[in-house]
Amino acid sequence: MAVANGVASTYARRAGDSSANSLPGPRPGCSIEGVAINLPNLRAAHAEAVDRALSGVGFALFTLNLDHLAKIRSDPKFRSAYQRAALVTADGWPVVWLANRRGAKLERTCGADLVEPICESAALHGIPVFFVGPERNSQISAILALERRHPGLRVAGASAPNISKVPSLQEVEAVARMVNESGARLCFVCLGAPKQELLADALAPLCKGVGFLCVGAALDFISGRSRRAPRWLQRSRLEWLWRLVGDPKRMAVRYLLSAYVFLLLILGSETADAMRCL
């Protein structure tokens, strides 16, 4: 999965361009619960992240799923972080369905699918990367695997900090110091929601020119600590069932709440459609 030609050509055009830090964001394709989804698919997310890294433009990239939508409704800090994010994808078939019903043309793009292609492009272009989380053993195993798969990958640093659910100022500043001293241009944050989004949102203004990508359990999948659903289950839109069977105690409550929020969003959309017809 080599970097798109447009990314390299954009970098060539912008070499020495003092206006690179004002790189505009992509246009929103759809808004759900006040969150603008502006990356339509994996290819666009990959190209945009690498383009910004090459241009020295910082960002935070979040992947919106139903669990996040439920948290957005109940957590003002999480909602604010999402609204400040420069880049947002649709993660999960329900979010894609809701967006497409509103006229957008989106494809499912989750954090676990972003790490490998972006690391390949980072190795190709010499972009240094940093990793925050998950726990140390899984992190080390995943980084070694990524370095084997993508020769030339420059891992500027890694940290497995014990971050609070709502990161404190001291925790944020400690991570920001490590990222800035490392010289990284991309940072994968692998702590799970809402912690990773809140941390990335707080780090972005402290780490100028660094792109923060919230990728959840991606490194646990790469290290083999966790096993992702087989491709046929993903294509059948049944990855949620795989996760439920694997961790029923934790996931059952999450999915019940997510289903409730999904129903509310459907009813809200139908009501809006009916009002437009009056």
Protein backbone atom coordinates (compact mmCIF):
# COMPACT_ATOMS: atom_id res chain seq x y z
CA MET A 1 0.00 0.00 0.00
CA ALA A 2 2.35 2.69 -1.22
CA VAL A 3 1.53 6.30 -0.56
CA ALA A 4 -0.76 7.88 -3.13
CA ASN A 5 1.02 9.84 -5.87
CA GLY A 6 -0.89 12.95 -4.84
CA VAL A 7 0.75 12.93 -1.42
CA ALA A 8 4.27 12.94 -2.82
CA SER A 9 3.48 15.59 -5.43
CA THR A 10 1.85 17.80 -2.81
CA TYR A 11 4.99 17.55 -0.68
CA ALA A 12 7.14 18.52 -3.65
CA ARG A 13 4.97 21.57 -4.33
CA ARG A 14 5.06 22.66 -0.71
CA ALA A 15 8.77 22.23 -0.05
CA GLY A 16 9.87 25.55 1.37
CA ASP A 17 6.30 26.92 1.32
CA SER A 18 5.87 29.08 4.42
CA SER A 19 2.09 28.78 4.13
CA ALA A 20 2.10 25.00 4.71
CA ASN A 21 0.92 25.39 8.31
CA SER A 22 -2.37 26.81 7.04
CA LEU A 23 -3.23 23.69 5.05
CA PRO A 24 -7.05 23.61 4.89
CA GLY A 25 -8.97 20.60 6.09
CA PRO A 26 -11.17 18.49 3.83
CA ARG A 27 -14.80 19.47 3.47
CA PRO A 28 -17.27 17.73 5.80
CA GLY A 29 -19.13 14.89 4.11
CA CYS A 30 -21.72 14.58 6.86
CA SER A 31 -22.46 15.78 10.38
CA ILE A 32 -23.81 13.48 13.11
CA GLU A 33 -24.48 14.78 16.62
CA GLY A 34 -22.57 17.93 15.74
CA VAL A 35 -19.46 16.03 14.61
CA ALA A 36 -18.33 16.62 11.02
CA ILE A 37 -17.06 13.47 9.28
CA ASN A 38 -14.68 14.74 6.60
CA LEU A 39 -12.70 11.69 5.48
CA PRO A 40 -14.78 9.43 3.20
CA ASN A 41 -12.62 6.31 3.17
CA LEU A 42 -9.33 4.67 4.17
CA ARG A 43 -7.44 5.96 1.15
CA ALA A 44 -8.44 9.56 1.88
CA ALA A 45 -7.54 9.22 5.58
CA HIS A 46 -4.15 7.71 4.71
CA ALA A 47 -3.35 10.37 2.11
CA GLU A 48 -4.49 13.29 4.29
CA ALA A 49 -2.49 12.14 7.33
CA VAL A 50 0.71 11.57 5.33
CA ASP A 51 0.25 14.81 3.37
CA ARG A 52 -0.03 16.80 6.60
CA ALA A 53 2.98 15.04 8.13
CA LEU A 54 5.08 15.83 5.08
CA SER A 55 3.88 19.43 5.13
CA GLY A 56 4.51 19.90 8.87
CA VAL A 57 0.85 20.49 9.68
CA GLY A 58 -0.36 19.10 12.99
CA PHE A 59 -3.76 17.47 13.44
CA ALA A 60 -5.85 15.07 15.49
CA LEU A 61 -7.62 12.22 13.69
CA PHE A 62 -10.56 10.45 15.36
CA THR A 63 -12.64 7.50 14.14
CA LEU A 64 -16.32 7.97 15.00
CA ASN A 65 -18.31 4.89 16.03
CA LEU A 66 -21.56 4.26 17.90
CA ASP A 67 -19.84 3.96 21.25
CA HIS A 68 -18.27 7.37 20.66
CA LEU A 69 -21.67 8.81 19.72
CA ALA A 70 -23.07 7.53 23.01
CA LYS A 71 -20.19 9.14 24.90
CA ILE A 72 -20.59 12.38 22.96
CA ARG A 73 -24.18 12.65 24.17
CA SER A 74 -23.21 12.29 27.84
CA ASP A 75 -19.67 13.75 28.07
CA PRO A 76 -19.24 17.45 27.17
CA LYS A 77 -15.43 17.22 27.24
CA PHE A 78 -15.44 14.31 24.80
CA ARG A 79 -17.91 16.16 22.57
CA SER A 80 -15.73 19.27 22.55
CA ALA A 81 -12.63 17.24 21.71
CA TYR A 82 -14.45 15.67 18.75
CA GLN A 83 -15.63 19.05 17.50
CA ARG A 84 -12.04 20.34 17.54
CA ALA A 85 -10.62 17.33 15.68
CA ALA A 86 -9.26 18.29 12.26
CA LEU A 87 -9.95 14.86 10.74
CA VAL A 88 -12.78 12.40 11.44
CA THR A 89 -13.66 9.08 9.77
CA ALA A 90 -16.74 6.87 10.01
CA ASP A 91 -15.80 3.78 12.04
CA GLY A 92 -18.52 1.15 12.06
CA TRP A 93 -21.31 0.17 9.70
CA PRO A 94 -24.06 1.95 11.70
CA VAL A 95 -22.25 5.29 11.39
CA VAL A 96 -21.65 4.68 7.67
CA TRP A 97 -25.34 3.79 7.23
CA LEU A 98 -26.49 6.92 9.05
CA ALA A 99 -24.14 9.11 7.03
CA ASN A 100 -25.06 7.55 3.69
CA ARG A 101 -28.73 7.96 4.52
CA ARG A 102 -28.05 11.68 4.86
CA GLY A 103 -26.54 11.84 1.39
CA ALA A 104 -22.85 11.27 2.17
CA LYS A 105 -20.81 8.59 0.42
CA LEU A 106 -18.65 7.13 3.16
CA GLU A 107 -16.85 3.86 3.73
CA ARG A 108 -15.95 2.31 7.05
CA THR A 109 -12.50 3.48 8.19
CA CYS A 110 -11.24 2.36 11.59
CA GLY A 111 -8.00 3.01 13.41
CA ALA A 112 -6.85 -0.60 13.19
CA ASP A 113 -6.76 -0.33 9.37
CA LEU A 114 -4.78 2.92 9.34
CA VAL A 115 -1.59 1.91 11.16
CA GLU A 116 -0.01 -0.37 8.55
CA PRO A 117 -0.45 1.83 5.44
CA ILE A 118 0.61 4.97 7.29
CA CYS A 119 3.68 3.24 8.71
CA GLU A 120 4.53 2.04 5.20
CA SER A 121 4.35 5.60 3.90
CA ALA A 122 6.27 6.90 6.92
CA ALA A 123 9.07 4.44 6.15
CA LEU A 124 9.06 5.46 2.49
CA HIS A 125 9.31 9.19 3.23
CA GLY A 126 11.40 9.11 6.42
CA ILE A 127 8.60 10.43 8.65
CA PRO A 128 9.48 9.73 12.32
CA VAL A 129 6.66 8.21 14.38
CA PHE A 130 5.86 7.96 18.08
CA PHE A 131 3.58 5.53 19.94
CA VAL A 132 1.56 6.22 23.08
CA GLY A 133 0.12 3.02 24.59
CA PRO A 134 -1.05 0.35 24.93
CA GLU A 135 0.69 -1.53 27.76
CA ARG A 136 4.43 -1.94 27.39
CA ASN A 137 4.76 -5.60 26.31
CA SER A 138 2.13 -5.31 23.61
CA GLN A 139 3.62 -2.03 22.45
CA ILE A 140 7.14 -3.44 22.13
CA SER A 141 5.94 -6.52 20.23
CA ALA A 142 3.85 -4.41 17.84
CA ILE A 143 6.67 -1.95 17.15
CA LEU A 144 9.09 -4.80 16.39
CA ALA A 145 6.53 -6.29 14.00
CA LEU A 146 6.00 -2.94 12.26
CA GLU A 147 9.76 -2.41 11.90
CA ARG A 148 10.10 -5.87 10.30
CA ARG A 149 7.22 -5.27 7.89
CA HIS A 150 8.27 -1.73 6.96
CA PRO A 151 12.07 -1.51 6.70
CA GLY A 152 13.27 2.02 7.26
CA LEU A 153 10.46 2.92 9.66
CA ARG A 154 11.85 5.54 12.05
CA VAL A 155 10.39 4.98 15.51
CA ALA A 156 11.33 8.21 17.28
CA GLY A 157 10.00 7.02 20.61
CA ALA A 158 7.30 5.23 22.55
CA SER A 159 5.59 5.55 25.89
CA ALA A 160 3.14 3.41 27.84
CA PRO A 161 1.99 5.97 30.41
CA ASN A 162 -0.63 5.41 33.09
CA ILE A 163 -3.05 8.10 31.92
CA SER A 164 -6.17 9.06 33.86
CA LYS A 165 -9.57 8.71 32.18
CA VAL A 166 -9.54 12.49 31.96
CA PRO A 167 -5.83 13.27 31.45
CA SER A 168 -4.40 15.74 33.97
CA LEU A 169 -2.30 18.73 32.94
CA GLN A 170 0.81 17.05 34.36
CA GLU A 171 0.15 13.86 32.38
CA VAL A 172 -0.42 15.81 29.17
CA GLU A 173 2.70 17.92 29.60
CA ALA A 174 4.85 14.85 30.32
CA VAL A 175 3.73 13.13 27.10
CA ALA A 176 4.02 16.38 25.11
CA ARG A 177 7.61 16.78 26.28
CA MET A 178 8.53 13.27 25.13
CA VAL A 179 6.85 13.71 21.74
CA ASN A 180 8.47 17.10 21.11
CA GLU A 181 11.92 15.94 22.17
CA SER A 182 11.64 12.87 19.91
CA GLY A 183 11.15 14.91 16.74
CA ALA A 184 8.20 12.74 15.70
CA ARG A 185 5.80 14.03 13.04
CA LEU A 186 3.12 11.36 13.60
CA CYS A 187 1.95 9.92 16.91
CA PHE A 188 -0.31 6.88 17.24
CA VAL A 189 -2.39 7.05 20.43
CA CYS A 190 -3.59 3.60 21.49
CA LEU A 191 -5.45 4.02 24.79
CA GLY A 192 -9.12 3.50 23.95
CA ALA A 193 -11.97 6.00 24.10
CA PRO A 194 -12.47 8.51 25.62
CA LYS A 195 -8.95 8.64 27.05
CA GLN A 196 -7.07 8.65 23.75
CA GLU A 197 -9.22 11.36 22.16
CA LEU A 198 -9.00 13.61 25.22
CA LEU A 199 -5.23 13.15 25.34
CA ALA A 200 -4.74 13.77 21.61
CA ASP A 201 -6.92 16.88 21.80
CA ALA A 202 -4.83 18.23 24.70
CA LEU A 203 -1.52 17.35 23.02
CA ALA A 204 -2.27 18.90 19.65
CA PRO A 205 -1.73 22.56 20.67
CA LEU A 206 1.40 21.64 22.65
CA CYS A 207 3.06 19.66 19.85
CA LYS A 208 3.08 21.90 16.80
CA GLY A 209 3.37 20.08 13.51
CA VAL A 210 2.60 16.63 14.97
CA GLY A 211 -0.32 14.53 13.76
CA PHE A 212 -2.10 12.48 16.46
CA LEU A 213 -4.00 9.42 15.26
CA CYS A 214 -6.32 7.67 17.73
CA VAL A 215 -6.21 4.01 16.76
CA GLY A 216 -7.59 2.11 19.76
CA ALA A 217 -6.59 -1.56 19.92
CA ALA A 218 -4.54 -1.49 16.70
CA LEU A 219 -1.22 -2.34 18.37
CA ASP A 220 -2.83 -5.12 20.41
CA PHE A 221 -3.96 -6.68 17.11
CA ILE A 222 -0.53 -6.25 15.53
CA SER A 223 1.26 -7.72 18.55
CA GLY A 224 -1.13 -10.68 18.71
CA ARG A 225 -2.27 -9.84 22.22
CA SER A 226 -5.82 -9.51 20.88
CA ARG A 227 -7.27 -11.24 17.87
CA ARG A 228 -9.36 -9.23 15.45
CA ALA A 229 -12.45 -10.67 13.81
CA PRO A 230 -11.75 -12.59 10.58
CA ARG A 231 -12.19 -10.65 7.35
CA TRP A 232 -15.35 -12.50 6.39
CA LEU A 233 -17.00 -11.40 9.64
CA GLN A 234 -15.87 -7.82 9.05
CA ARG A 235 -17.27 -7.90 5.51
CA SER A 236 -20.51 -9.37 6.88
CA ARG A 237 -20.72 -6.45 9.32
CA LEU A 238 -20.56 -8.84 12.28
CA GLU A 239 -17.31 -7.74 13.92
CA TRP A 240 -19.39 -6.54 16.87
CA LEU A 241 -20.56 -10.14 17.45
CA TRP A 242 -16.96 -11.36 17.54
CA ARG A 243 -16.11 -8.77 20.17
CA LEU A 244 -19.25 -9.55 22.17
CA VAL A 245 -18.44 -13.26 22.31
CA GLY A 246 -14.83 -12.48 23.25
CA ASP A 247 -15.72 -10.13 26.11
CA PRO A 248 -19.46 -10.45 26.88
CA LYS A 249 -19.37 -8.81 30.31
CA ARG A 250 -17.84 -5.57 29.10
CA MET A 251 -19.25 -5.38 25.59
CA ALA A 252 -22.90 -6.26 26.34
CA VAL A 253 -23.56 -3.03 28.22
CA ARG A 254 -21.70 -0.99 25.61
CA TYR A 255 -23.65 -2.51 22.73
CA LEU A 256 -27.00 -2.10 24.46
CA LEU A 257 -26.31 1.59 24.99
CA SER A 258 -25.01 1.92 21.43
CA ALA A 259 -28.14 0.24 20.05
CA TYR A 260 -30.30 2.67 22.03
CA VAL A 261 -28.40 5.67 20.65
CA PHE A 262 -28.62 4.22 17.12
CA LEU A 263 -32.39 3.93 17.47
CA LEU A 264 -32.63 7.53 18.70
CA LEU A 265 -30.57 8.73 15.74
CA ILE A 266 -32.75 6.80 13.28
CA LEU A 267 -35.93 8.19 14.81
CA GLY A 268 -34.44 11.68 14.80
CA SER A 269 -33.51 11.34 11.14
CA GLU A 270 -36.97 10.07 10.22
CA THR A 271 -38.58 12.96 12.09
CA ALA A 272 -36.38 15.45 10.25
CA ASP A 273 -37.28 13.82 6.92
CA ALA A 274 -40.98 14.03 7.74
CA MET A 275 -40.69 17.70 8.69
CA ARG A 276 -38.97 18.50 5.39
CA CYS A 277 -41.88 16.89 3.53
CA LEU A 278 -44.49 19.08 5.23
